[in-house]
């Protein structure tokens, strides 16, 4: 196996980042972690969460208790430069969104195959403030690996910097759900794609249950919210890939 895909990596650096993020969130936010008892002791594990803010990956680093690998978009145009530095220091695996890149599947096969923990945001981008359907990649990883899945719901993180500019601390919540799965997607062609689509919806529904009702978007019980979320489901990298 290639050295770059061995698990775990960078233990000391990641432990340092974990402690730094705890201190930063304690100083700048009113941070609440709910459901910590749902963290399993070991992997393999696919950790999934909603993605409304560029702070979400940092929040995931803050709460997870194990060495974790990340898959993330190659570019982060809305994030401040310090977060780009943090991504590099942590050692995330970049994915060129919109290209059909195989790196995500190679990483997931390697990390989960070694009993590791892999964090990923199924929506693929933080372009909206309500929940949208999963992109095809994460359901495919889930079925291909047959790894258990841990859902997390992040709320309040979009308010961190607006509140800080007013001299206030935002109340932010990370809710950890119960492990579910694993999934399989039998068959080929259209039948398999149908199974994968169902897996994607099942994953996002578990995340939706961990969010306030007004942020559940496509998975809301309110028909008007679902219709509004359909417009937010646009994925910009289909038209302009990151390659």
Protein backbone atom coordinates (compact mmCIF):
# COMPACT_ATOMS: atom_id res chain seq x y z
CA UNK A 1 0.00 0.00 0.00
CA UNK A 2 1.28 3.47 -0.85
CA UNK A 3 2.73 5.34 2.12
CA UNK A 4 0.36 8.25 1.56
CA UNK A 5 -2.65 6.05 2.25
CA UNK A 6 -1.44 4.43 5.45
CA UNK A 7 -3.58 4.97 8.54
CA UNK A 8 -3.13 6.68 10.91
CA UNK A 9 -0.76 9.49 9.95
CA UNK A 10 0.62 12.63 11.62
CA UNK A 11 -0.46 11.61 15.12
CA UNK A 12 1.47 14.32 16.98
CA UNK A 13 0.54 17.14 14.62
CA UNK A 14 -3.12 16.17 14.66
CA UNK A 15 -3.17 15.88 18.44
CA UNK A 16 -1.76 19.42 18.58
CA UNK A 17 -4.39 20.74 16.15
CA UNK A 18 -7.14 19.02 18.14
CA UNK A 19 -6.06 20.79 21.34
CA UNK A 20 -5.73 24.13 19.55
CA UNK A 21 -9.25 23.88 18.12
CA UNK A 22 -10.67 23.08 21.55
CA UNK A 23 -9.08 26.25 22.92
CA UNK A 24 -10.17 28.39 19.97
CA UNK A 25 -13.80 27.28 20.09
CA UNK A 26 -13.88 27.75 23.87
CA UNK A 27 -12.61 31.32 23.47
CA UNK A 28 -14.64 32.42 20.45
CA UNK A 29 -17.93 30.52 20.71
CA UNK A 30 -20.45 29.15 23.14
CA UNK A 31 -19.77 25.55 22.10
CA UNK A 32 -22.08 22.62 22.86
CA UNK A 33 -21.38 18.97 22.08
CA UNK A 34 -24.41 16.71 22.30
CA UNK A 35 -24.29 12.93 21.91
CA UNK A 36 -20.60 12.29 22.64
CA UNK A 37 -21.64 8.91 24.05
CA UNK A 38 -22.41 7.84 20.46
CA UNK A 39 -18.75 7.90 19.43
CA UNK A 40 -17.71 4.26 18.89
CA UNK A 41 -14.44 2.98 20.28
CA UNK A 42 -12.96 1.82 16.98
CA UNK A 43 -13.33 1.92 13.20
CA UNK A 44 -13.81 1.38 10.41
CA UNK A 45 -16.13 4.34 10.35
CA UNK A 46 -17.39 6.83 7.78
CA UNK A 47 -18.14 10.14 9.53
CA UNK A 48 -20.65 12.34 7.67
CA UNK A 49 -22.02 15.81 8.44
CA UNK A 50 -23.88 18.73 6.91
CA UNK A 51 -21.76 21.47 5.36
CA UNK A 52 -23.15 24.98 5.77
CA UNK A 53 -19.93 26.78 6.76
CA UNK A 54 -16.21 26.61 5.97
CA UNK A 55 -15.77 26.16 9.75
CA UNK A 56 -17.42 22.72 9.68
CA UNK A 57 -14.21 20.72 9.05
CA UNK A 58 -12.52 22.52 11.95
CA UNK A 59 -15.51 21.69 14.14
CA UNK A 60 -15.20 18.05 13.18
CA UNK A 61 -11.53 18.11 14.18
CA UNK A 62 -12.60 19.68 17.48
CA UNK A 63 -15.03 16.92 18.46
CA UNK A 64 -13.74 13.61 17.10
CA UNK A 65 -11.76 11.47 19.57
CA UNK A 66 -9.68 9.48 17.08
CA UNK A 67 -7.07 10.00 14.36
CA UNK A 68 -9.15 10.86 11.30
CA UNK A 69 -8.54 11.31 7.62
CA UNK A 70 -10.44 13.94 5.64
CA UNK A 71 -11.66 14.22 2.08
CA UNK A 72 -12.22 17.82 0.99
CA UNK A 73 -12.56 20.03 -2.04
CA UNK A 74 -9.32 21.13 -3.70
CA UNK A 75 -10.31 24.79 -3.43
CA UNK A 76 -11.80 26.73 -0.50
CA UNK A 77 -12.49 30.15 -2.02
CA UNK A 78 -14.71 31.34 0.85
CA UNK A 79 -12.36 30.37 3.68
CA UNK A 80 -9.69 32.65 5.21
CA UNK A 81 -6.03 31.77 4.45
CA UNK A 82 -5.42 30.38 7.96
CA UNK A 83 -7.87 27.56 7.29
CA UNK A 84 -5.99 26.62 4.13
CA UNK A 85 -2.87 26.37 6.26
CA UNK A 86 -4.73 24.19 8.75
CA UNK A 87 -5.89 21.84 6.01
CA UNK A 88 -2.33 21.38 4.81
CA UNK A 89 -0.98 20.94 8.34
CA UNK A 90 -3.62 18.31 9.11
CA UNK A 91 -2.96 16.53 5.83
CA UNK A 92 -6.35 16.26 4.15
CA UNK A 93 -6.85 14.42 0.85
CA UNK A 94 -8.00 16.91 -1.83
CA UNK A 95 -10.72 15.97 -4.28
CA UNK A 96 -11.15 17.73 -7.62
CA UNK A 97 -14.90 18.22 -7.53
CA UNK A 98 -16.83 17.78 -10.74
CA UNK A 99 -14.14 15.66 -12.43
CA UNK A 100 -15.07 12.11 -11.45
CA UNK A 101 -11.68 11.85 -9.75
CA UNK A 102 -10.87 8.40 -8.37
CA UNK A 103 -8.75 9.70 -5.48
CA UNK A 104 -11.72 9.73 -3.10
CA UNK A 105 -12.42 6.07 -3.71
CA UNK A 106 -8.77 5.09 -3.41
CA UNK A 107 -8.55 6.93 -0.09
CA UNK A 108 -11.78 5.46 1.26
CA UNK A 109 -10.79 1.94 0.23
CA UNK A 110 -7.40 2.30 1.92
CA UNK A 111 -8.45 4.08 5.12
CA UNK A 112 -11.62 2.10 5.81
CA UNK A 113 -9.91 -1.11 4.75
CA UNK A 114 -7.39 -0.55 7.54
CA UNK A 115 -10.15 -0.05 10.11
CA UNK A 116 -9.66 3.72 9.99
CA UNK A 117 -11.90 6.76 10.38
CA UNK A 118 -12.77 8.88 7.32
CA UNK A 119 -14.56 12.23 7.51
CA UNK A 120 -16.47 13.59 4.55
CA UNK A 121 -19.26 16.08 3.79
CA UNK A 122 -21.80 14.39 1.47
CA UNK A 123 -23.18 17.64 0.02
CA UNK A 124 -19.78 18.36 -1.54
CA UNK A 125 -19.76 22.10 -0.88
CA UNK A 126 -20.90 24.69 1.67
CA UNK A 127 -22.86 26.70 -0.89
CA UNK A 128 -26.19 26.70 0.98
CA UNK A 129 -27.56 27.13 4.49
CA UNK A 130 -30.04 24.26 4.30
CA UNK A 131 -29.55 20.54 3.82
CA UNK A 132 -29.30 19.21 0.26
CA UNK A 133 -29.09 15.70 -1.21
CA UNK A 134 -25.80 13.83 -1.08
CA UNK A 135 -23.53 13.84 -4.09
CA UNK A 136 -23.06 10.33 -5.56
CA UNK A 137 -19.56 9.78 -4.14
CA UNK A 138 -20.38 9.23 -0.47
CA UNK A 139 -23.17 6.66 -1.03
CA UNK A 140 -20.77 4.83 -3.35
CA UNK A 141 -18.05 4.83 -0.65
CA UNK A 142 -20.55 3.60 1.92
CA UNK A 143 -21.70 0.70 -0.21
CA UNK A 144 -18.25 -0.16 -1.52
CA UNK A 145 -16.70 -0.29 1.97
CA UNK A 146 -19.69 -1.62 3.93
CA UNK A 147 -18.39 0.58 6.78
CA UNK A 148 -20.68 1.79 9.59
CA UNK A 149 -21.66 5.46 9.34
CA UNK A 150 -21.67 8.12 12.06
CA UNK A 151 -23.86 11.20 11.39
CA UNK A 152 -23.14 14.65 12.84
CA UNK A 153 -25.27 17.79 12.66
CA UNK A 154 -23.58 21.20 12.88
CA UNK A 155 -25.70 24.26 13.59
CA UNK A 156 -24.88 27.88 14.36
CA UNK A 157 -21.44 27.91 12.74
CA UNK A 158 -22.45 30.33 9.99
CA UNK A 159 -22.98 32.92 12.75
CA UNK A 160 -19.50 32.68 14.28
CA UNK A 161 -17.80 35.49 12.37
CA UNK A 162 -20.86 37.78 12.05
CA UNK A 163 -21.28 37.59 15.84
CA UNK A 164 -17.57 38.14 16.49
CA UNK A 165 -17.66 41.32 14.40
CA UNK A 166 -20.30 42.58 16.82
CA UNK A 167 -18.24 41.55 19.83
CA UNK A 168 -20.42 38.53 20.64
CA UNK A 169 -19.93 34.79 20.78
CA UNK A 170 -22.19 32.59 18.67
CA UNK A 171 -23.95 29.62 20.22
CA UNK A 172 -22.86 26.60 18.16
CA UNK A 173 -23.95 23.00 18.49
CA UNK A 174 -22.45 19.72 17.29
CA UNK A 175 -24.93 16.87 17.62
CA UNK A 176 -23.58 13.34 17.24
CA UNK A 177 -26.08 10.70 16.15
CA UNK A 178 -26.04 6.94 16.51
CA UNK A 179 -23.98 4.75 14.20
CA UNK A 180 -26.03 3.15 11.41
CA UNK A 181 -25.48 0.93 8.40
CA UNK A 182 -23.66 -0.70 6.80
CA UNK A 183 -25.22 -0.52 3.34
CA UNK A 184 -24.90 -2.59 0.20
CA UNK A 185 -25.85 -1.70 -3.37
CA UNK A 186 -26.32 -4.89 -5.38
CA UNK A 187 -26.77 -5.17 -9.10
CA UNK A 188 -25.40 -3.09 -11.92
CA UNK A 189 -26.32 -0.11 -14.04
CA UNK A 190 -29.63 1.59 -13.34
CA UNK A 191 -30.60 -0.79 -10.53
CA UNK A 192 -27.36 -0.11 -8.67
CA UNK A 193 -27.71 3.64 -9.18
CA UNK A 194 -31.18 3.45 -7.65
CA UNK A 195 -29.80 1.68 -4.57
CA UNK A 196 -27.04 4.28 -4.26
CA UNK A 197 -29.55 7.12 -4.47
CA UNK A 198 -31.57 5.51 -1.67
CA UNK A 199 -28.40 5.20 0.44
CA UNK A 200 -27.64 8.87 -0.13
CA UNK A 201 -31.11 9.88 1.04
CA UNK A 202 -30.83 7.59 4.09
CA UNK A 203 -27.54 9.24 5.06
CA UNK A 204 -28.87 12.76 4.67
CA UNK A 205 -32.06 11.92 6.56
CA UNK A 206 -29.96 10.83 9.56
CA UNK A 207 -28.09 14.12 9.42
CA UNK A 208 -31.36 16.05 9.08
CA UNK A 209 -32.61 14.57 12.34
CA UNK A 210 -29.66 16.26 14.08
CA UNK A 211 -30.46 19.75 12.73
CA UNK A 212 -33.02 22.39 13.70
CA UNK A 213 -36.23 21.98 11.64
CA UNK A 214 -35.63 25.20 9.69
CA UNK A 215 -32.29 23.87 8.35
CA UNK A 216 -33.43 20.42 7.19
CA UNK A 217 -34.08 21.75 3.70
CA UNK A 218 -34.64 18.95 1.20
CA UNK A 219 -35.38 16.61 4.11
CA UNK A 220 -37.84 18.87 5.90
CA UNK A 221 -41.40 17.82 6.73
CA UNK A 222 -42.50 21.21 5.37
CA UNK A 223 -43.28 21.07 1.61
CA UNK A 224 -42.38 24.76 1.15
CA UNK A 225 -38.97 24.22 2.72
CA UNK A 226 -38.37 21.22 0.46
CA UNK A 227 -39.24 23.24 -2.64
CA UNK A 228 -36.94 26.07 -1.58
CA UNK A 229 -34.15 23.58 -0.94
CA UNK A 230 -34.44 22.15 -4.44
CA UNK A 231 -33.22 25.50 -5.79
CA UNK A 232 -30.28 25.37 -3.36
CA UNK A 233 -29.31 21.90 -4.58
CA UNK A 234 -27.43 23.37 -7.55
CA UNK A 235 -23.86 22.01 -7.64
CA UNK A 236 -21.54 24.59 -9.25
CA UNK A 237 -18.76 22.10 -10.03
CA UNK A 238 -20.91 20.27 -12.55
CA UNK A 239 -20.47 23.30 -14.82
CA UNK A 240 -16.95 24.31 -13.74
CA UNK A 241 -14.87 21.40 -12.41
CA UNK A 242 -11.95 22.05 -10.08
CA UNK A 243 -9.37 20.45 -12.35
